Amino acid sequence: MSDTIPQYHTPILGMTSRPRVPQPVEYGDPTSNNFWVEYPHGLVDLSRSTHIKDLKISAEKQLDIDTTKEPGAQNNLLSGSNTITPTLLPGQLDVQVTGERTVRLDTEKTAVVIIDMQNFFLHKDIRDHPKGLACVDPLMRVVPFFREKNIKILWVNWGLTAAELSTIPPSLVRGFAKHGSPRGGGFGSELPGDFGKLLMRAERNSELYGPLQGLYENGRDKGTDFWIHKNRISGLWDQTLLENFLKENGLKTLFFAGVNADQCVLGTLIDAYFRGYDCILLEDATATTSPDGAFEAVIYNAANSYGFVTNTKEVLNCKDL
């Protein structure tokens, strides 16, 4: 038996990054406005602002040459192609991601999707979720920064109506039924204390945890933050309020955060990936109660298959004009 590792063998442990491209590569339809360009020095341009065919104009500006007037200037342009990037424009951000890459995004087309940071999943009187609680401080720091960059903040949460209780499939009903526990007997059941009915709208258990509720309300009043109800694990499962919002606002690039990483966050992220959105997971603002391997698998696939992984510190240190 050969000791060599098969080409497509991708073990979770000992993760490796995909190699950089040897020359600029455009992904998607070059005749449309739905494309990425990846560059040899690690930039992945998600802004959809500069096709490869238009790169020559930006390159001439960066190298300060005019190929129509200077003899041999075209050779200089080609020799510098590995360091040429499209000019960073107003309203664009460059954010470092894992795998020695930088993603460039258009803030007008970008939103942050924060999933299920609710009392039901985080409050100590309902469950013990220290890793989820550790996501609160990073979100408290990064959300105001995103707002300053005109990036929309979408708080996507469970919030059921009485009518929706009859439409939820039995598999999902069973998954949330914890008979005899402080977590209640399933959707709509009465929780202990003043938490109200499990994951129903306008109940205390459905509010955002601790300071996050005030953070949202502050943004809501400023017109930067939006509360979006969901009624399944994925917020994008079937013509949802979230999908309508993304389409109506022309959004293309989505940062993801929240709990639980391998359940509602992953379900929404994968559905976004299937629909063609750019997906960037905020690792330090995402957590799960599942065993460590589950979180590790989410991070691995988010970075290597579905899109990119970064953290709030890199966002706060990002480059713009």
Protein backbone atom coordinates (compact mmCIF):
# COMPACT_ATOMS: atom_id res chain seq x y z
CA MET A 1 0.00 0.00 0.00
CA SER A 2 1.28 3.43 -0.90
CA ASP A 3 2.24 5.77 1.93
CA THR A 4 1.38 8.85 -0.11
CA ILE A 5 -1.66 10.89 0.87
CA PRO A 6 -4.41 10.88 -1.78
CA GLN A 7 -4.84 14.18 -3.56
CA TYR A 8 -8.24 14.91 -2.04
CA HIS A 9 -7.58 13.56 1.44
CA THR A 10 -8.37 16.44 3.83
CA PRO A 11 -7.94 15.41 7.48
CA ILE A 12 -9.21 17.89 10.03
CA LEU A 13 -6.10 17.66 12.18
CA GLY A 14 -2.98 19.17 10.67
CA MET A 15 -4.97 21.53 8.48
CA THR A 16 -3.18 22.96 5.49
CA SER A 17 -4.02 25.97 3.39
CA ARG A 18 -4.64 25.83 -0.32
CA PRO A 19 -1.65 27.11 -2.32
CA ARG A 20 -1.73 30.59 -3.75
CA VAL A 21 -2.58 31.02 -7.39
CA PRO A 22 0.41 31.48 -9.77
CA GLN A 23 -1.32 34.32 -11.62
CA PRO A 24 -4.53 36.37 -11.25
CA VAL A 25 -7.60 34.15 -11.57
CA GLU A 26 -11.19 35.26 -12.08
CA TYR A 27 -14.01 33.10 -10.73
CA GLY A 28 -17.56 33.42 -12.00
CA ASP A 29 -18.93 34.99 -15.16
CA PRO A 30 -16.52 37.58 -16.63
CA THR A 31 -19.43 39.24 -18.46
CA SER A 32 -21.49 39.77 -15.29
CA ASN A 33 -21.18 41.60 -12.00
CA ASN A 34 -20.97 38.36 -10.03
CA PHE A 35 -17.31 37.42 -9.86
CA TRP A 36 -14.23 37.20 -7.62
CA VAL A 37 -10.59 37.77 -8.57
CA GLU A 38 -7.76 36.08 -6.68
CA TYR A 39 -4.18 37.36 -6.89
CA PRO A 40 -0.82 35.60 -6.41
CA HIS A 41 0.07 37.67 -3.34
CA GLY A 42 -3.01 36.48 -1.45
CA LEU A 43 -5.72 39.06 -2.15
CA VAL A 44 -9.16 37.65 -2.95
CA ASP A 45 -11.23 40.55 -4.27
CA LEU A 46 -14.91 40.03 -3.42
CA SER A 47 -15.89 43.61 -4.26
CA ARG A 48 -16.87 42.78 -7.85
CA SER A 49 -15.34 46.07 -8.95
CA THR A 50 -12.39 45.15 -11.21
CA HIS A 51 -12.35 42.37 -13.80
CA ILE A 52 -9.00 40.94 -14.83
CA LYS A 53 -9.48 42.53 -18.24
CA ASP A 54 -9.62 45.92 -16.48
CA LEU A 55 -6.56 45.24 -14.33
CA LYS A 56 -4.19 46.81 -16.87
CA ILE A 57 -5.54 50.30 -16.07
CA SER A 58 -4.97 49.83 -12.34
CA ALA A 59 -1.56 48.24 -12.95
CA GLU A 60 -0.34 51.13 -15.10
CA LYS A 61 -1.33 53.55 -12.35
CA GLN A 62 0.43 51.57 -9.61
CA LEU A 63 3.63 51.14 -11.61
CA ASP A 64 3.43 54.69 -12.99
CA ILE A 65 3.94 53.59 -16.58
CA ASP A 66 2.20 54.26 -19.86
CA THR A 67 2.38 51.26 -22.19
CA THR A 68 1.38 53.44 -25.15
CA LYS A 69 4.30 55.85 -24.76
CA GLU A 70 7.18 54.06 -23.06
CA PRO A 71 9.23 51.49 -25.01
CA GLY A 72 9.33 48.18 -23.14
CA ALA A 73 6.68 49.33 -20.68
CA GLN A 74 4.54 46.26 -21.40
CA ASN A 75 7.42 44.05 -20.24
CA ASN A 76 7.59 46.03 -17.00
CA LEU A 77 3.87 45.56 -16.56
CA LEU A 78 4.12 41.79 -16.98
CA SER A 79 7.13 41.47 -14.68
CA GLY A 80 5.26 43.28 -11.92
CA SER A 81 2.03 41.29 -12.31
CA ASN A 82 2.59 39.26 -9.13
CA THR A 83 2.47 42.39 -6.97
CA ILE A 84 -0.21 44.36 -8.80
CA THR A 85 -3.61 44.77 -7.18
CA PRO A 86 -6.65 46.80 -8.12
CA THR A 87 -6.69 50.14 -6.32
CA LEU A 88 -8.47 50.11 -2.95
CA LEU A 89 -11.50 52.32 -3.48
CA PRO A 90 -13.59 54.33 -1.01
CA GLY A 91 -16.14 52.06 0.63
CA GLN A 92 -13.91 48.99 0.37
CA LEU A 93 -12.18 47.09 3.19
CA ASP A 94 -9.25 44.67 3.14
CA VAL A 95 -9.56 42.08 5.92
CA GLN A 96 -6.98 39.43 6.77
CA VAL A 97 -8.35 35.88 6.80
CA THR A 98 -6.78 32.52 7.56
CA GLY A 99 -4.68 30.76 4.94
CA GLU A 100 -2.45 33.80 4.36
CA ARG A 101 -5.16 35.59 2.42
CA THR A 102 -6.80 39.00 2.43
CA VAL A 103 -10.37 39.52 1.30
CA ARG A 104 -11.51 42.82 -0.19
CA LEU A 105 -15.16 43.67 0.27
CA ASP A 106 -17.60 46.40 -0.68
CA THR A 107 -19.22 47.73 2.50
CA GLU A 108 -22.47 48.62 0.70
CA LYS A 109 -22.85 44.96 -0.26
CA THR A 110 -21.83 43.54 3.12
CA ALA A 111 -23.74 42.54 6.26
CA VAL A 112 -23.00 40.78 9.54
CA VAL A 113 -25.34 37.88 10.34
CA ILE A 114 -25.41 37.22 14.10
CA ILE A 115 -27.36 34.08 14.91
CA ASP A 116 -29.23 33.04 18.07
CA MET A 117 -27.28 34.98 20.70
CA GLN A 118 -30.45 34.70 22.79
CA ASN A 119 -31.19 34.06 26.45
CA PHE A 120 -32.47 30.59 25.64
CA PHE A 121 -29.03 29.55 24.41
CA LEU A 122 -26.82 31.60 26.74
CA HIS A 123 -28.49 32.53 30.03
CA LYS A 124 -27.06 30.62 33.00
CA ASP A 125 -30.55 29.86 34.37
CA ILE A 126 -31.35 27.88 31.22
CA ARG A 127 -28.05 26.29 30.22
CA ASP A 128 -24.29 26.34 30.78
CA HIS A 129 -22.61 27.75 27.68
CA PRO A 130 -19.28 29.41 28.63
CA LYS A 131 -17.96 29.30 25.06
CA GLY A 132 -21.06 31.06 23.82
CA LEU A 133 -20.76 33.69 26.53
CA ALA A 134 -17.15 34.27 25.45
CA CYS A 135 -18.51 35.52 22.11
CA VAL A 136 -20.28 38.46 23.73
CA ASP A 137 -17.28 40.73 24.27
CA PRO A 138 -15.89 40.33 20.71
CA LEU A 139 -19.33 41.23 19.34
CA MET A 140 -19.62 44.24 21.65
CA ARG A 141 -16.34 45.53 20.21
CA VAL A 142 -16.78 44.72 16.54
CA VAL A 143 -20.44 45.64 15.94
CA PRO A 144 -19.87 49.42 16.47
CA PHE A 145 -16.90 49.20 14.09
CA PHE A 146 -19.00 47.54 11.40
CA ARG A 147 -21.64 50.24 11.85
CA GLU A 148 -19.02 52.95 11.31
CA LYS A 149 -18.19 51.31 7.97
CA ASN A 150 -21.87 51.37 6.91
CA ILE A 151 -22.14 47.58 7.14
CA LYS A 152 -25.59 46.36 8.14
CA ILE A 153 -25.99 44.28 11.32
CA LEU A 154 -28.57 41.49 11.06
CA TRP A 155 -29.65 39.82 14.31
CA VAL A 156 -31.18 36.55 13.10
CA ASN A 157 -33.06 34.79 15.90
CA TRP A 158 -35.67 32.20 16.70
CA GLY A 159 -39.00 33.96 17.11
CA LEU A 160 -42.03 31.77 16.49
CA THR A 161 -45.67 32.71 16.05
CA ALA A 162 -48.55 30.54 17.22
CA ALA A 163 -49.38 29.74 13.60
CA GLU A 164 -45.83 28.52 12.92
CA LEU A 165 -46.00 25.93 15.69
CA SER A 166 -48.20 23.75 13.48
CA THR A 167 -45.80 23.92 10.53
CA ILE A 168 -42.61 22.76 12.26
CA PRO A 169 -41.70 19.17 11.31
CA PRO A 170 -41.62 16.48 14.02
CA SER A 171 -37.85 15.94 13.77
CA LEU A 172 -37.25 19.56 14.73
CA VAL A 173 -39.93 19.49 17.43
CA ARG A 174 -38.31 16.41 19.01
CA GLY A 175 -34.84 18.00 18.90
CA PHE A 176 -35.96 20.93 21.03
CA ALA A 177 -38.09 18.91 23.48
CA LYS A 178 -36.22 18.46 26.77
CA HIS A 179 -38.93 17.06 29.00
CA GLY A 180 -38.42 17.65 32.70
CA SER A 181 -35.47 20.04 32.23
CA PRO A 182 -35.15 23.82 32.66
CA ARG A 183 -35.05 24.01 28.87
CA GLY A 184 -38.72 23.17 28.59
CA GLY A 185 -40.82 20.60 26.81
CA GLY A 186 -40.42 21.99 23.32
CA PHE A 187 -41.39 24.99 21.21
CA GLY A 188 -44.03 27.09 22.91
CA SER A 189 -43.74 25.34 26.28
CA GLU A 190 -43.56 27.45 29.41
CA LEU A 191 -40.04 27.93 30.80
CA PRO A 192 -39.27 28.39 34.51
CA GLY A 193 -39.20 31.85 36.04
CA ASP A 194 -40.07 34.79 33.80
CA PHE A 195 -38.47 33.47 30.61
CA GLY A 196 -41.84 32.86 28.97
CA LYS A 197 -42.70 30.43 26.22
CA LEU A 198 -39.80 28.67 24.53
CA LEU A 199 -38.51 30.63 21.50
CA MET A 200 -41.80 32.42 20.90
CA ARG A 201 -41.70 36.04 19.81
CA ALA A 202 -41.60 38.81 22.44
CA GLU A 203 -40.66 36.40 25.25
CA ARG A 204 -37.69 37.01 27.54
CA ASN A 205 -35.95 33.78 26.52
CA SER A 206 -36.04 34.99 22.92
CA GLU A 207 -34.38 38.32 23.70
CA LEU A 208 -30.69 38.80 23.04
CA TYR A 209 -28.44 37.91 25.94
CA GLY A 210 -27.34 40.59 28.42
CA PRO A 211 -25.67 43.65 26.86
CA LEU A 212 -26.37 42.41 23.33
CA GLN A 213 -30.04 43.41 23.64
CA GLY A 214 -29.03 47.00 24.37
CA LEU A 215 -26.43 46.90 21.59
CA TYR A 216 -29.13 45.87 19.12
CA GLU A 217 -31.62 48.47 20.35
CA ASN A 218 -29.01 51.20 19.97
CA GLY A 219 -28.36 50.14 16.38
CA ARG A 220 -32.06 49.71 15.65
CA ASP A 221 -32.67 53.32 16.65
CA LYS A 222 -29.81 54.44 14.39
CA GLY A 223 -31.15 52.42 11.46
CA THR A 224 -28.03 50.21 11.23
CA ASP A 225 -29.34 47.06 12.94
CA PHE A 226 -32.21 44.79 11.97
CA TRP A 227 -33.97 41.97 13.83
CA ILE A 228 -34.91 39.06 11.58
CA HIS A 229 -37.01 36.16 12.85
CA LYS A 230 -36.36 32.58 11.75
CA ASN A 231 -38.33 29.39 12.32
CA ARG A 232 -35.83 26.70 11.33
CA ILE A 233 -32.20 25.80 12.05
CA SER A 234 -31.21 27.71 8.91
CA GLY A 235 -32.25 31.30 8.50
CA LEU A 236 -32.22 30.80 4.73
CA TRP A 237 -34.12 27.56 4.29
CA ASP A 238 -37.06 28.65 2.11
CA GLN A 239 -37.92 32.18 0.97
CA THR A 240 -37.21 33.51 4.44
CA LEU A 241 -37.30 37.03 5.83
CA LEU A 242 -33.51 36.95 5.81
CA GLU A 243 -33.28 36.05 2.14
CA ASN A 244 -35.78 38.76 1.21
CA PHE A 245 -33.75 41.32 3.14
CA LEU A 246 -30.48 40.30 1.48
CA LYS A 247 -31.99 40.54 -1.99
CA GLU A 248 -33.80 43.81 -1.39
CA ASN A 249 -30.60 45.45 -0.12
CA GLY A 250 -28.26 44.05 -2.79
CA LEU A 251 -26.07 42.28 -0.24
CA LYS A 252 -23.41 39.83 -1.43
CA THR A 253 -20.82 39.39 1.35
CA LEU A 254 -21.84 38.02 4.76
CA PHE A 255 -19.91 37.76 8.00
CA PHE A 256 -21.29 35.05 10.30
CA ALA A 257 -21.24 34.81 14.09
CA GLY A 258 -23.30 33.31 16.90
CA VAL A 259 -24.40 29.96 18.31
CA ASN A 260 -24.38 27.13 17.80
CA ALA A 261 -21.56 26.93 15.28
CA ASP A 262 -22.36 23.46 13.95
CA GLN A 263 -26.12 23.88 13.99
CA CYS A 264 -27.90 27.17 13.26
CA VAL A 265 -24.78 29.11 12.25
CA LEU A 266 -23.55 26.37 9.93
CA GLY A 267 -27.02 25.70 8.53
CA THR A 268 -27.47 29.34 7.58
CA LEU A 269 -23.89 29.68 6.29
CA ILE A 270 -24.19 26.62 4.05
CA ASP A 271 -27.51 27.79 2.63
CA ALA A 272 -25.91 31.19 1.96
CA TYR A 273 -23.03 29.43 0.21
CA PHE A 274 -25.48 27.41 -1.90
CA ARG A 275 -27.20 30.64 -2.92
CA GLY A 276 -23.92 32.26 -4.01
CA TYR A 277 -23.20 34.64 -1.14
CA ASP A 278 -19.64 35.29 0.03
CA CYS A 279 -19.31 33.69 3.48
CA ILE A 280 -16.82 34.83 6.14
CA LEU A 281 -16.96 33.22 9.61
CA LEU A 282 -15.87 35.21 12.67
CA GLU A 283 -14.14 32.47 14.64
CA ASP A 284 -13.90 34.22 18.03
CA ALA A 285 -17.56 35.29 17.86
CA THR A 286 -18.87 31.79 17.13
CA ALA A 287 -19.22 28.85 19.52
CA THR A 288 -21.03 25.58 20.19
CA THR A 289 -21.92 23.23 23.02
CA SER A 290 -20.92 20.25 20.88
CA PRO A 291 -17.59 18.40 21.32
CA ASP A 292 -14.47 20.22 20.14
CA GLY A 293 -14.23 18.28 16.89
CA ALA A 294 -17.54 19.70 15.74
CA PHE A 295 -16.29 23.27 16.00
CA GLU A 296 -13.00 22.31 14.37
CA ALA A 297 -14.84 20.81 11.40
CA VAL A 298 -16.92 23.98 10.97
CA ILE A 299 -13.80 26.15 10.96
CA TYR A 300 -12.01 23.84 8.52
CA ASN A 301 -14.84 23.72 6.01
CA ALA A 302 -15.73 27.40 6.36
CA ALA A 303 -12.14 28.29 5.43
CA ASN A 304 -11.51 25.68 2.76
CA SER A 305 -14.88 25.02 1.13
CA TYR A 306 -17.58 27.55 1.95
CA GLY A 307 -15.51 30.73 2.06
CA PHE A 308 -13.21 32.29 4.63
CA VAL A 309 -12.46 32.47 8.35
CA THR A 310 -11.21 35.49 10.27
CA ASN A 311 -11.68 36.97 13.74
CA THR A 312 -12.84 40.25 15.21
CA LYS A 313 -9.28 41.44 15.92
CA GLU A 314 -8.42 41.20 12.22
CA VAL A 315 -11.60 43.08 11.35
CA LEU A 316 -10.73 45.86 13.77
CA ASN A 317 -7.27 46.07 12.17
CA CYS A 318 -8.55 46.02 8.59
CA LYS A 319 -7.34 48.41 5.91
CA ASP A 320 -9.49 51.00 4.18
CA LEU A 321 -9.17 54.49 2.70
